[in-house]
């Protein structure tokens, strides 16, 4: 039965976790000790210790492993929560920048770079969202490889770029948007199409259809190498549309990262998405900017992209862990 609620029946739940507690967790994870975390936050070690103790009590889990005279280490759940805490703190900083009275800066050119395979998933929606908020901003879009975009941002040719967190130079700031888990597409007539998940060992006996970009192909190989599984035979294609069409035709399987809005290929055939059974590491999707360079235009774009990424890569995109 469908339930309906009146607004007066819905009492907001008070948040008990504070930003200062999340910042203490992030600093402890990044520095490896409570004293170094305190120095980074310009506070006392006792304040950091109290914040961490309160946070562990509120969440009901152990976040840190405390070593005598050797600093602290992160538990598995502590590391996961620290990663999510960074996303929350970054989102709050975006709100602060957006409300800082710089609305008059929402005009002029905004130069956006995008890693080539990501463009159709993010840029059209971003352009529409920005047009809804400002009619005086001119968007300049440049597609490219990860290396090209890093260089263009560093040299000031682009204001920001949408990329994966892979081999990024320290001179650039990375603003995480979402964690992205890989998955597999197979032909509908394959025996694997009836499975909810498949192992990399099983896939290694089939042909892998790879997108020819070095970064994308390398990521697929890393998964097999990390699992210590033999590399499959490979066929490369020059576009993601070609990759999906070849898989649909029965040539083999492919490992993708972004979730498509349809399983229908350009030629009207079909692919079937299947999760990866192995415990693989996700990639982080995010935006790079020059260090400490954040205009209102850039802040708006990051905020809009973060909202998109978190909708696209919710927990529903990943098999139950």
C-alpha atoms as a PDB file:
ATOM      1  CA  UNK A   1       0.000   0.000   0.000  1.00  0.00           C
ATOM      2  CA  UNK A   2       1.316   3.409  -0.940  1.00  0.00           C
ATOM      3  CA  UNK A   3       1.883   5.690   2.053  1.00  0.00           C
ATOM      4  CA  UNK A   4       1.270   9.422   2.032  1.00  0.00           C
ATOM      5  CA  UNK A   5       2.672  11.890   4.547  1.00  0.00           C
ATOM      6  CA  UNK A   6       1.750  15.427   5.453  1.00  0.00           C
ATOM      7  CA  UNK A   7       4.686  17.792   5.848  1.00  0.00           C
ATOM      8  CA  UNK A   8       3.877  18.272   9.515  1.00  0.00           C
ATOM      9  CA  UNK A   9       4.270  14.508  10.040  1.00  0.00           C
ATOM     10  CA  UNK A  10       7.815  14.495   8.746  1.00  0.00           C
ATOM     11  CA  UNK A  11      10.143  15.696  11.488  1.00  0.00           C
ATOM     12  CA  UNK A  12      13.722  16.296  10.269  1.00  0.00           C
ATOM     13  CA  UNK A  13      16.343  14.128  11.951  1.00  0.00           C
ATOM     14  CA  UNK A  14      19.085  16.143  13.619  1.00  0.00           C
ATOM     15  CA  UNK A  15      22.561  15.366  12.335  1.00  0.00           C
ATOM     16  CA  UNK A  16      24.944  14.449  15.153  1.00  0.00           C
ATOM     17  CA  UNK A  17      28.144  14.114  13.111  1.00  0.00           C
ATOM     18  CA  UNK A  18      29.937  17.444  12.682  1.00  0.00           C
ATOM     19  CA  UNK A  19      32.193  18.743   9.922  1.00  0.00           C
ATOM     20  CA  UNK A  20      35.026  19.190  12.411  1.00  0.00           C
ATOM     21  CA  UNK A  21      34.838  15.484  13.251  1.00  0.00           C
ATOM     22  CA  UNK A  22      34.969  14.570   9.556  1.00  0.00           C
ATOM     23  CA  UNK A  23      37.909  16.943   9.027  1.00  0.00           C
ATOM     24  CA  UNK A  24      39.733  15.291  11.946  1.00  0.00           C
ATOM     25  CA  UNK A  25      39.174  11.860  10.379  1.00  0.00           C
ATOM     26  CA  UNK A  26      40.425  13.052   6.984  1.00  0.00           C
ATOM     27  CA  UNK A  27      43.532  14.639   8.514  1.00  0.00           C
ATOM     28  CA  UNK A  28      44.313  11.498  10.540  1.00  0.00           C
ATOM     29  CA  UNK A  29      43.931   9.330   7.439  1.00  0.00           C
ATOM     30  CA  UNK A  30      46.136  11.636   5.348  1.00  0.00           C
ATOM     31  CA  UNK A  31      48.915  12.177   7.916  1.00  0.00           C
ATOM     32  CA  UNK A  32      48.998   8.869   9.786  1.00  0.00           C
ATOM     33  CA  UNK A  33      49.082  10.395  13.268  1.00  0.00           C
ATOM     34  CA  UNK A  34      46.875  12.436  15.566  1.00  0.00           C
ATOM     35  CA  UNK A  35      49.646  14.945  16.293  1.00  0.00           C
ATOM     36  CA  UNK A  36      50.223  15.600  12.585  1.00  0.00           C
ATOM     37  CA  UNK A  37      46.468  15.811  12.057  1.00  0.00           C
ATOM     38  CA  UNK A  38      46.257  18.423  14.808  1.00  0.00           C
ATOM     39  CA  UNK A  39      49.050  20.438  13.192  1.00  0.00           C
ATOM     40  CA  UNK A  40      47.304  20.299   9.825  1.00  0.00           C
ATOM     41  CA  UNK A  41      44.057  21.512  11.388  1.00  0.00           C
ATOM     42  CA  UNK A  42      45.789  24.161  13.565  1.00  0.00           C
ATOM     43  CA  UNK A  43      44.341  22.715  16.763  1.00  0.00           C
ATOM     44  CA  UNK A  44      45.522  20.580  19.685  1.00  0.00           C
ATOM     45  CA  UNK A  45      46.026  16.811  19.614  1.00  0.00           C
ATOM     46  CA  UNK A  46      43.547  16.443  22.458  1.00  0.00           C
ATOM     47  CA  UNK A  47      40.858  18.139  20.363  1.00  0.00           C
ATOM     48  CA  UNK A  48      41.507  15.731  17.497  1.00  0.00           C
ATOM     49  CA  UNK A  49      41.432  12.753  19.887  1.00  0.00           C
ATOM     50  CA  UNK A  50      38.114  13.866  21.350  1.00  0.00           C
ATOM     51  CA  UNK A  51      36.635  14.424  17.879  1.00  0.00           C
ATOM     52  CA  UNK A  52      37.710  10.948  16.752  1.00  0.00           C
ATOM     53  CA  UNK A  53      36.352   9.286  19.875  1.00  0.00           C
ATOM     54  CA  UNK A  54      32.990  11.026  19.463  1.00  0.00           C
ATOM     55  CA  UNK A  55      32.815  10.105  15.782  1.00  0.00           C
ATOM     56  CA  UNK A  56      33.548   6.440  16.477  1.00  0.00           C
ATOM     57  CA  UNK A  57      30.882   6.434  19.192  1.00  0.00           C
ATOM     58  CA  UNK A  58      28.291   8.089  16.938  1.00  0.00           C
ATOM     59  CA  UNK A  59      28.945   5.725  14.019  1.00  0.00           C
ATOM     60  CA  UNK A  60      29.347   2.654  16.190  1.00  0.00           C
ATOM     61  CA  UNK A  61      32.510   1.452  14.430  1.00  0.00           C
ATOM     62  CA  UNK A  62      36.259   1.576  15.001  1.00  0.00           C
ATOM     63  CA  UNK A  63      37.815   3.969  12.499  1.00  0.00           C
ATOM     64  CA  UNK A  64      41.428   4.065  13.666  1.00  0.00           C
ATOM     65  CA  UNK A  65      43.969   1.534  14.853  1.00  0.00           C
ATOM     66  CA  UNK A  66      46.137   3.263  17.441  1.00  0.00           C
ATOM     67  CA  UNK A  67      49.781   2.150  17.719  1.00  0.00           C
ATOM     68  CA  UNK A  68      52.036   3.041  20.621  1.00  0.00           C
ATOM     69  CA  UNK A  69      54.563   5.647  19.432  1.00  0.00           C
ATOM     70  CA  UNK A  70      53.788   4.729  15.807  1.00  0.00           C
ATOM     71  CA  UNK A  71      50.822   6.946  15.032  1.00  0.00           C
ATOM     72  CA  UNK A  72      47.535   5.572  13.745  1.00  0.00           C
ATOM     73  CA  UNK A  73      46.326   3.364  10.924  1.00  0.00           C
ATOM     74  CA  UNK A  74      42.939   3.149   9.302  1.00  0.00           C
ATOM     75  CA  UNK A  75      40.576   0.207   9.594  1.00  0.00           C
ATOM     76  CA  UNK A  76      38.896  -0.914   6.373  1.00  0.00           C
ATOM     77  CA  UNK A  77      35.627   0.793   7.297  1.00  0.00           C
ATOM     78  CA  UNK A  78      37.593   3.822   8.519  1.00  0.00           C
ATOM     79  CA  UNK A  79      39.259   4.211   5.125  1.00  0.00           C
ATOM     80  CA  UNK A  80      35.902   3.957   3.341  1.00  0.00           C
ATOM     81  CA  UNK A  81      34.290   6.525   5.634  1.00  0.00           C
ATOM     82  CA  UNK A  82      37.285   8.862   5.254  1.00  0.00           C
ATOM     83  CA  UNK A  83      36.850   8.737   1.464  1.00  0.00           C
ATOM     84  CA  UNK A  84      33.172   9.609   1.785  1.00  0.00           C
ATOM     85  CA  UNK A  85      33.982  12.286   4.344  1.00  0.00           C
ATOM     86  CA  UNK A  86      36.217  14.019   1.783  1.00  0.00           C
ATOM     87  CA  UNK A  87      33.329  14.115  -0.679  1.00  0.00           C
ATOM     88  CA  UNK A  88      31.039  15.623   1.984  1.00  0.00           C
ATOM     89  CA  UNK A  89      33.559  18.262   3.065  1.00  0.00           C
ATOM     90  CA  UNK A  90      34.260  19.182  -0.564  1.00  0.00           C
ATOM     91  CA  UNK A  91      30.537  19.526  -1.221  1.00  0.00           C
ATOM     92  CA  UNK A  92      30.172  21.887   1.751  1.00  0.00           C
ATOM     93  CA  UNK A  93      33.100  23.954   0.512  1.00  0.00           C
ATOM     94  CA  UNK A  94      31.386  24.189  -2.862  1.00  0.00           C
ATOM     95  CA  UNK A  95      28.287  25.538  -1.117  1.00  0.00           C
ATOM     96  CA  UNK A  96      30.362  28.114   0.744  1.00  0.00           C
ATOM     97  CA  UNK A  97      31.962  29.304  -2.484  1.00  0.00           C
ATOM     98  CA  UNK A  98      28.612  29.411  -4.273  1.00  0.00           C
ATOM     99  CA  UNK A  99      27.147  31.573  -1.505  1.00  0.00           C
ATOM    100  CA  UNK A 100      30.152  33.856  -1.118  1.00  0.00           C
ATOM    101  CA  UNK A 101      28.655  36.773  -3.006  1.00  0.00           C
ATOM    102  CA  UNK A 102      30.499  36.061  -6.246  1.00  0.00           C
ATOM    103  CA  UNK A 103      27.337  35.704  -8.338  1.00  0.00           C
ATOM    104  CA  UNK A 104      28.532  38.560 -10.526  1.00  0.00           C
ATOM    105  CA  UNK A 105      31.287  36.210 -11.716  1.00  0.00           C
ATOM    106  CA  UNK A 106      28.764  33.898 -13.397  1.00  0.00           C
ATOM    107  CA  UNK A 107      29.517  35.486 -16.727  1.00  0.00           C
ATOM    108  CA  UNK A 108      32.237  35.280 -19.348  1.00  0.00           C
ATOM    109  CA  UNK A 109      34.026  32.199 -20.667  1.00  0.00           C
ATOM    110  CA  UNK A 110      34.309  28.891 -18.828  1.00  0.00           C
ATOM    111  CA  UNK A 111      36.797  26.529 -20.495  1.00  0.00           C
ATOM    112  CA  UNK A 112      35.983  22.915 -19.702  1.00  0.00           C
ATOM    113  CA  UNK A 113      38.016  19.848 -20.661  1.00  0.00           C
ATOM    114  CA  UNK A 114      36.631  16.323 -20.666  1.00  0.00           C
ATOM    115  CA  UNK A 115      38.264  12.930 -20.981  1.00  0.00           C
ATOM    116  CA  UNK A 116      36.989  11.742 -24.350  1.00  0.00           C
ATOM    117  CA  UNK A 117      34.945   8.668 -23.233  1.00  0.00           C
ATOM    118  CA  UNK A 118      33.141  10.758 -20.567  1.00  0.00           C
ATOM    119  CA  UNK A 119      31.822  13.491 -22.863  1.00  0.00           C
ATOM    120  CA  UNK A 120      28.435  12.008 -23.875  1.00  0.00           C
ATOM    121  CA  UNK A 121      27.642  11.086 -20.277  1.00  0.00           C
ATOM    122  CA  UNK A 122      28.294  14.473 -18.647  1.00  0.00           C
ATOM    123  CA  UNK A 123      28.834  17.421 -20.970  1.00  0.00           C
ATOM    124  CA  UNK A 124      25.358  17.758 -22.601  1.00  0.00           C
ATOM    125  CA  UNK A 125      23.624  17.781 -19.196  1.00  0.00           C
ATOM    126  CA  UNK A 126      26.238  20.152 -17.772  1.00  0.00           C
ATOM    127  CA  UNK A 127      25.690  22.622 -20.625  1.00  0.00           C
ATOM    128  CA  UNK A 128      21.924  22.543 -20.105  1.00  0.00           C
ATOM    129  CA  UNK A 129      22.268  22.985 -16.318  1.00  0.00           C
ATOM    130  CA  UNK A 130      24.594  25.966 -16.712  1.00  0.00           C
ATOM    131  CA  UNK A 131      22.298  27.611 -19.272  1.00  0.00           C
ATOM    132  CA  UNK A 132      19.464  27.373 -16.740  1.00  0.00           C
ATOM    133  CA  UNK A 133      21.542  29.287 -14.180  1.00  0.00           C
ATOM    134  CA  UNK A 134      23.331  31.843 -16.327  1.00  0.00           C
ATOM    135  CA  UNK A 135      22.714  33.224 -19.798  1.00  0.00           C
ATOM    136  CA  UNK A 136      25.916  35.276 -19.708  1.00  0.00           C
ATOM    137  CA  UNK A 137      28.414  32.406 -19.492  1.00  0.00           C
ATOM    138  CA  UNK A 138      30.125  31.193 -22.660  1.00  0.00           C
ATOM    139  CA  UNK A 139      31.126  27.523 -22.523  1.00  0.00           C
ATOM    140  CA  UNK A 140      34.202  26.296 -24.383  1.00  0.00           C
ATOM    141  CA  UNK A 141      34.445  22.480 -24.447  1.00  0.00           C
ATOM    142  CA  UNK A 142      37.622  20.556 -25.284  1.00  0.00           C
ATOM    143  CA  UNK A 143      37.837  16.761 -25.426  1.00  0.00           C
ATOM    144  CA  UNK A 144      41.128  14.947 -25.019  1.00  0.00           C
ATOM    145  CA  UNK A 145      43.195  12.267 -23.335  1.00  0.00           C
ATOM    146  CA  UNK A 146      44.045  12.415 -19.638  1.00  0.00           C
ATOM    147  CA  UNK A 147      47.585  13.634 -20.372  1.00  0.00           C
ATOM    148  CA  UNK A 148      46.426  16.349 -22.782  1.00  0.00           C
ATOM    149  CA  UNK A 149      43.858  17.663 -20.313  1.00  0.00           C
ATOM    150  CA  UNK A 150      46.294  17.695 -17.385  1.00  0.00           C
ATOM    151  CA  UNK A 151      48.750  19.735 -19.422  1.00  0.00           C
ATOM    152  CA  UNK A 152      46.039  22.145 -20.634  1.00  0.00           C
ATOM    153  CA  UNK A 153      44.791  22.798 -17.085  1.00  0.00           C
ATOM    154  CA  UNK A 154      48.308  23.245 -15.723  1.00  0.00           C
ATOM    155  CA  UNK A 155      49.214  25.705 -18.477  1.00  0.00           C
ATOM    156  CA  UNK A 156      46.009  27.698 -17.947  1.00  0.00           C
ATOM    157  CA  UNK A 157      44.407  26.781 -21.273  1.00  0.00           C
ATOM    158  CA  UNK A 158      41.456  25.168 -19.434  1.00  0.00           C
ATOM    159  CA  UNK A 159      39.739  26.216 -16.202  1.00  0.00           C
ATOM    160  CA  UNK A 160      38.890  22.645 -15.231  1.00  0.00           C
ATOM    161  CA  UNK A 161      38.731  19.139 -16.673  1.00  0.00           C
ATOM    162  CA  UNK A 162      36.668  16.037 -15.936  1.00  0.00           C
ATOM    163  CA  UNK A 163      39.026  13.065 -15.556  1.00  0.00           C
ATOM    164  CA  UNK A 164      39.766   9.939 -13.536  1.00  0.00           C
ATOM    165  CA  UNK A 165      42.160  10.099 -10.587  1.00  0.00           C
ATOM    166  CA  UNK A 166      45.058   8.354 -12.292  1.00  0.00           C
ATOM    167  CA  UNK A 167      48.700   9.544 -12.231  1.00  0.00           C
ATOM    168  CA  UNK A 168      47.758  13.157 -11.566  1.00  0.00           C
ATOM    169  CA  UNK A 169      50.580  15.664 -10.848  1.00  0.00           C
ATOM    170  CA  UNK A 170      50.802  17.305  -7.430  1.00  0.00           C
ATOM    171  CA  UNK A 171      50.559  20.758  -9.031  1.00  0.00           C
ATOM    172  CA  UNK A 172      46.852  20.198  -9.777  1.00  0.00           C
ATOM    173  CA  UNK A 173      43.961  20.050  -7.311  1.00  0.00           C
ATOM    174  CA  UNK A 174      41.674  17.016  -7.646  1.00  0.00           C
ATOM    175  CA  UNK A 175      38.028  17.437  -6.610  1.00  0.00           C
ATOM    176  CA  UNK A 176      36.453  13.959  -6.241  1.00  0.00           C
ATOM    177  CA  UNK A 177      32.937  13.467  -7.567  1.00  0.00           C
ATOM    178  CA  UNK A 178      32.165   9.736  -7.263  1.00  0.00           C
ATOM    179  CA  UNK A 179      33.655   6.249  -7.117  1.00  0.00           C
ATOM    180  CA  UNK A 180      33.231   4.299 -10.359  1.00  0.00           C
ATOM    181  CA  UNK A 181      33.165   0.482 -10.410  1.00  0.00           C
ATOM    182  CA  UNK A 182      33.839  -1.361 -13.670  1.00  0.00           C
ATOM    183  CA  UNK A 183      31.371  -3.863 -15.117  1.00  0.00           C
ATOM    184  CA  UNK A 184      31.172  -6.180 -18.115  1.00  0.00           C
ATOM    185  CA  UNK A 185      28.998  -6.251 -21.224  1.00  0.00           C
ATOM    186  CA  UNK A 186      28.408  -9.549 -23.051  1.00  0.00           C
ATOM    187  CA  UNK A 187      26.298 -10.635 -26.043  1.00  0.00           C
ATOM    188  CA  UNK A 188      22.704 -11.665 -25.235  1.00  0.00           C
ATOM    189  CA  UNK A 189      23.228 -15.217 -26.566  1.00  0.00           C
ATOM    190  CA  UNK A 190      26.298 -15.786 -24.346  1.00  0.00           C
ATOM    191  CA  UNK A 191      26.012 -18.198 -21.424  1.00  0.00           C
ATOM    192  CA  UNK A 192      27.311 -15.342 -19.262  1.00  0.00           C
ATOM    193  CA  UNK A 193      24.273 -13.187 -20.093  1.00  0.00           C
ATOM    194  CA  UNK A 194      22.110 -15.098 -17.614  1.00  0.00           C
ATOM    195  CA  UNK A 195      24.534 -14.415 -14.763  1.00  0.00           C
ATOM    196  CA  UNK A 196      24.319 -11.516 -12.321  1.00  0.00           C
ATOM    197  CA  UNK A 197      28.107 -11.527 -11.945  1.00  0.00           C
ATOM    198  CA  UNK A 198      31.102 -13.170 -13.596  1.00  0.00           C
ATOM    199  CA  UNK A 199      34.703 -13.694 -12.484  1.00  0.00           C
ATOM    200  CA  UNK A 200      37.756 -12.361 -14.287  1.00  0.00           C
ATOM    201  CA  UNK A 201      39.051 -15.940 -14.487  1.00  0.00           C
ATOM    202  CA  UNK A 202      36.000 -16.930 -16.533  1.00  0.00           C
ATOM    203  CA  UNK A 203      36.377 -13.879 -18.766  1.00  0.00           C
ATOM    204  CA  UNK A 204      40.042 -14.649 -19.459  1.00  0.00           C
ATOM    205  CA  UNK A 205      39.015 -17.502 -21.778  1.00  0.00           C
ATOM    206  CA  UNK A 206      37.038 -15.130 -24.019  1.00  0.00           C
ATOM    207  CA  UNK A 207      38.126 -12.332 -26.364  1.00  0.00           C
ATOM    208  CA  UNK A 208      38.159  -8.858 -24.809  1.00  0.00           C
ATOM    209  CA  UNK A 209      37.018  -5.984 -27.031  1.00  0.00           C
ATOM    210  CA  UNK A 210      38.890  -2.890 -25.876  1.00  0.00           C
ATOM    211  CA  UNK A 211      38.552   0.799 -26.607  1.00  0.00           C
ATOM    212  CA  UNK A 212      41.851   1.756 -28.232  1.00  0.00           C
ATOM    213  CA  UNK A 213      42.716   4.663 -25.890  1.00  0.00           C
ATOM    214  CA  UNK A 214      45.810   3.570 -23.965  1.00  0.00           C
ATOM    215  CA  UNK A 215      44.356   4.677 -20.618  1.00  0.00           C
ATOM    216  CA  UNK A 216      41.109   2.717 -21.074  1.00  0.00           C
ATOM    217  CA  UNK A 217      42.770  -0.439 -22.382  1.00  0.00           C
ATOM    218  CA  UNK A 218      45.383  -0.295 -19.629  1.00  0.00           C
ATOM    219  CA  UNK A 219      42.719  -0.087 -16.948  1.00  0.00           C
ATOM    220  CA  UNK A 220      41.113  -3.320 -18.214  1.00  0.00           C
ATOM    221  CA  UNK A 221      44.467  -5.121 -18.159  1.00  0.00           C
ATOM    222  CA  UNK A 222      45.186  -3.893 -14.626  1.00  0.00           C
ATOM    223  CA  UNK A 223      42.084  -5.679 -13.361  1.00  0.00           C
ATOM    224  CA  UNK A 224      43.306  -9.042 -14.669  1.00  0.00           C
ATOM    225  CA  UNK A 225      46.854  -8.469 -13.428  1.00  0.00           C
ATOM    226  CA  UNK A 226      45.630  -7.474  -9.945  1.00  0.00           C
ATOM    227  CA  UNK A 227      43.549 -10.665  -9.807  1.00  0.00           C
ATOM    228  CA  UNK A 228      46.580 -12.691 -11.041  1.00  0.00           C
ATOM    229  CA  UNK A 229      44.538 -14.015 -13.928  1.00  0.00           C
ATOM    230  CA  UNK A 230      45.841 -14.705 -17.424  1.00  0.00           C
ATOM    231  CA  UNK A 231      45.205 -11.877 -19.864  1.00  0.00           C
ATOM    232  CA  UNK A 232      42.542 -12.621 -22.482  1.00  0.00           C
ATOM    233  CA  UNK A 233      42.988 -12.291 -26.219  1.00  0.00           C
ATOM    234  CA  UNK A 234      42.217  -8.750 -27.328  1.00  0.00           C
ATOM    235  CA  UNK A 235      40.569  -6.879 -30.172  1.00  0.00           C
ATOM    236  CA  UNK A 236      40.594  -3.066 -30.217  1.00  0.00           C
ATOM    237  CA  UNK A 237      38.030  -0.622 -31.594  1.00  0.00           C
ATOM    238  CA  UNK A 238      38.282   3.112 -32.207  1.00  0.00           C
ATOM    239  CA  UNK A 239      35.041   4.141 -30.483  1.00  0.00           C
ATOM    240  CA  UNK A 240      32.840   2.989 -27.619  1.00  0.00           C
ATOM    241  CA  UNK A 241      29.927   2.606 -30.035  1.00  0.00           C
ATOM    242  CA  UNK A 242      32.067   0.170 -32.053  1.00  0.00           C
ATOM    243  CA  UNK A 243      33.073  -1.688 -28.881  1.00  0.00           C
ATOM    244  CA  UNK A 244      29.437  -2.228 -27.908  1.00  0.00           C
ATOM    245  CA  UNK A 245      28.388  -3.236 -31.444  1.00  0.00           C
ATOM    246  CA  UNK A 246      31.203  -5.816 -31.673  1.00  0.00           C
ATOM    247  CA  UNK A 247      30.235  -7.290 -28.320  1.00  0.00           C
ATOM    248  CA  UNK A 248      26.576  -7.476 -29.386  1.00  0.00           C
ATOM    249  CA  UNK A 249      27.683  -9.321 -32.549  1.00  0.00           C
ATOM    250  CA  UNK A 250      29.348 -11.999 -30.435  1.00  0.00           C
ATOM    251  CA  UNK A 251      33.007 -11.066 -30.889  1.00  0.00           C
ATOM    252  CA  UNK A 252      33.627 -11.136 -27.142  1.00  0.00           C
ATOM    253  CA  UNK A 253      33.118  -9.123 -23.958  1.00  0.00           C
ATOM    254  CA  UNK A 254      34.174  -5.656 -22.866  1.00  0.00           C
ATOM    255  CA  UNK A 255      34.871  -3.982 -19.523  1.00  0.00           C
ATOM    256  CA  UNK A 256      33.306  -0.532 -19.197  1.00  0.00           C
ATOM    257  CA  UNK A 257      33.107   2.079 -16.445  1.00  0.00           C
ATOM    258  CA  UNK A 258      30.242   4.429 -17.256  1.00  0.00           C
ATOM    259  CA  UNK A 259      26.695   3.040 -17.200  1.00  0.00           C
ATOM    260  CA  UNK A 260      24.839   3.556 -20.467  1.00  0.00           C
ATOM    261  CA  UNK A 261      21.225   4.661 -20.545  1.00  0.00           C
ATOM    262  CA  UNK A 262      20.338   1.820 -22.932  1.00  0.00           C
ATOM    263  CA  UNK A 263      21.492  -1.695 -23.805  1.00  0.00           C
ATOM    264  CA  UNK A 264      20.707  -1.131 -27.490  1.00  0.00           C
ATOM    265  CA  UNK A 265      23.728  -0.588 -29.759  1.00  0.00           C
ATOM    266  CA  UNK A 266      24.018   1.817 -32.696  1.00  0.00           C
ATOM    267  CA  UNK A 267      23.010  -0.921 -35.171  1.00  0.00           C
ATOM    268  CA  UNK A 268      19.941  -1.945 -33.154  1.00  0.00           C
ATOM    269  CA  UNK A 269      21.486  -5.020 -31.535  1.00  0.00           C
ATOM    270  CA  UNK A 270      21.786  -5.514 -27.786  1.00  0.00           C
ATOM    271  CA  UNK A 271      24.390  -6.024 -25.070  1.00  0.00           C
ATOM    272  CA  UNK A 272      23.822  -7.366 -21.563  1.00  0.00           C
ATOM    273  CA  UNK A 273      25.536  -5.718 -18.551  1.00  0.00           C
ATOM    274  CA  UNK A 274      26.990  -8.104 -15.934  1.00  0.00           C
ATOM    275  CA  UNK A 275      28.804  -7.208 -12.721  1.00  0.00           C
ATOM    276  CA  UNK A 276      32.364  -8.350 -11.939  1.00  0.00           C
ATOM    277  CA  UNK A 277      32.489 -10.970  -9.199  1.00  0.00           C
ATOM    278  CA  UNK A 278      36.044 -10.204  -8.086  1.00  0.00           C
ATOM    279  CA  UNK A 279      36.733  -7.609  -5.398  1.00  0.00           C
ATOM    280  CA  UNK A 280      38.015  -4.919  -7.774  1.00  0.00           C
ATOM    281  CA  UNK A 281      39.056  -1.408  -6.853  1.00  0.00           C
ATOM    282  CA  UNK A 282      36.919   1.451  -8.183  1.00  0.00           C
ATOM    283  CA  UNK A 283      38.360   4.490  -9.915  1.00  0.00           C
ATOM    284  CA  UNK A 284      37.614   7.970  -8.640  1.00  0.00           C
ATOM    285  CA  UNK A 285      35.964  10.345 -11.072  1.00  0.00           C
ATOM    286  CA  UNK A 286      36.664  14.003 -10.457  1.00  0.00           C
ATOM    287  CA  UNK A 287      37.599  17.449 -11.668  1.00  0.00           C
ATOM    288  CA  UNK A 288      41.114  18.874 -11.867  1.00  0.00           C
ATOM    289  CA  UNK A 289      41.905  22.571 -11.501  1.00  0.00           C
ATOM    290  CA  UNK A 290      45.067  24.554 -10.992  1.00  0.00           C
ATOM    291  CA  UNK A 291      46.067  24.605  -7.332  1.00  0.00           C
ATOM    292  CA  UNK A 292      43.982  27.045  -5.260  1.00  0.00           C
ATOM    293  CA  UNK A 293      42.201  28.400  -8.348  1.00  0.00           C
ATOM    294  CA  UNK A 294      38.437  28.489  -7.785  1.00  0.00           C
ATOM    295  CA  UNK A 295      36.190  31.104  -9.382  1.00  0.00           C
ATOM    296  CA  UNK A 296      32.411  31.131  -8.974  1.00  0.00           C
ATOM    297  CA  UNK A 297      32.126  29.715 -12.506  1.00  0.00           C
ATOM    298  CA  UNK A 298      34.414  26.800 -11.705  1.00  0.00           C
ATOM    299  CA  UNK A 299      32.658  26.189  -8.386  1.00  0.00           C
ATOM    300  CA  UNK A 300      29.283  26.047 -10.126  1.00  0.00           C
ATOM    301  CA  UNK A 301      30.547  23.564 -12.733  1.00  0.00           C
ATOM    302  CA  UNK A 302      32.071  21.283 -10.083  1.00  0.00           C
ATOM    303  CA  UNK A 303      28.855  21.349  -8.053  1.00  0.00           C
ATOM    304  CA  UNK A 304      26.739  20.432 -11.087  1.00  0.00           C
ATOM    305  CA  UNK A 305      29.113  17.678 -12.176  1.00  0.00           C
ATOM    306  CA  UNK A 306      29.190  16.238  -8.646  1.00  0.00           C
ATOM    307  CA  UNK A 307      25.391  16.041  -8.589  1.00  0.00           C
ATOM    308  CA  UNK A 308      25.428  14.262 -11.953  1.00  0.00           C
ATOM    309  CA  UNK A 309      28.160  11.819 -10.974  1.00  0.00           C
ATOM    310  CA  UNK A 310      26.536  10.863  -7.697  1.00  0.00           C
ATOM    311  CA  UNK A 311      23.227  10.200  -9.457  1.00  0.00           C
ATOM    312  CA  UNK A 312      24.936   8.060 -12.080  1.00  0.00           C
ATOM    313  CA  UNK A 313      27.117   6.109  -9.659  1.00  0.00           C
ATOM    314  CA  UNK A 314      24.859   5.424  -6.721  1.00  0.00           C
ATOM    315  CA  UNK A 315      25.154   2.210  -4.716  1.00  0.00           C
ATOM    316  CA  UNK A 316      22.602   0.708  -7.092  1.00  0.00           C
ATOM    317  CA  UNK A 317      25.284   0.579  -9.790  1.00  0.00           C
ATOM    318  CA  UNK A 318      27.358  -1.828  -7.739  1.00  0.00           C
ATOM    319  CA  UNK A 319      26.431  -5.358  -6.751  1.00  0.00           C
ATOM    320  CA  UNK A 320      25.692  -5.848  -3.021  1.00  0.00           C
ATOM    321  CA  UNK A 321      28.950  -5.969  -1.149  1.00  0.00           C
END
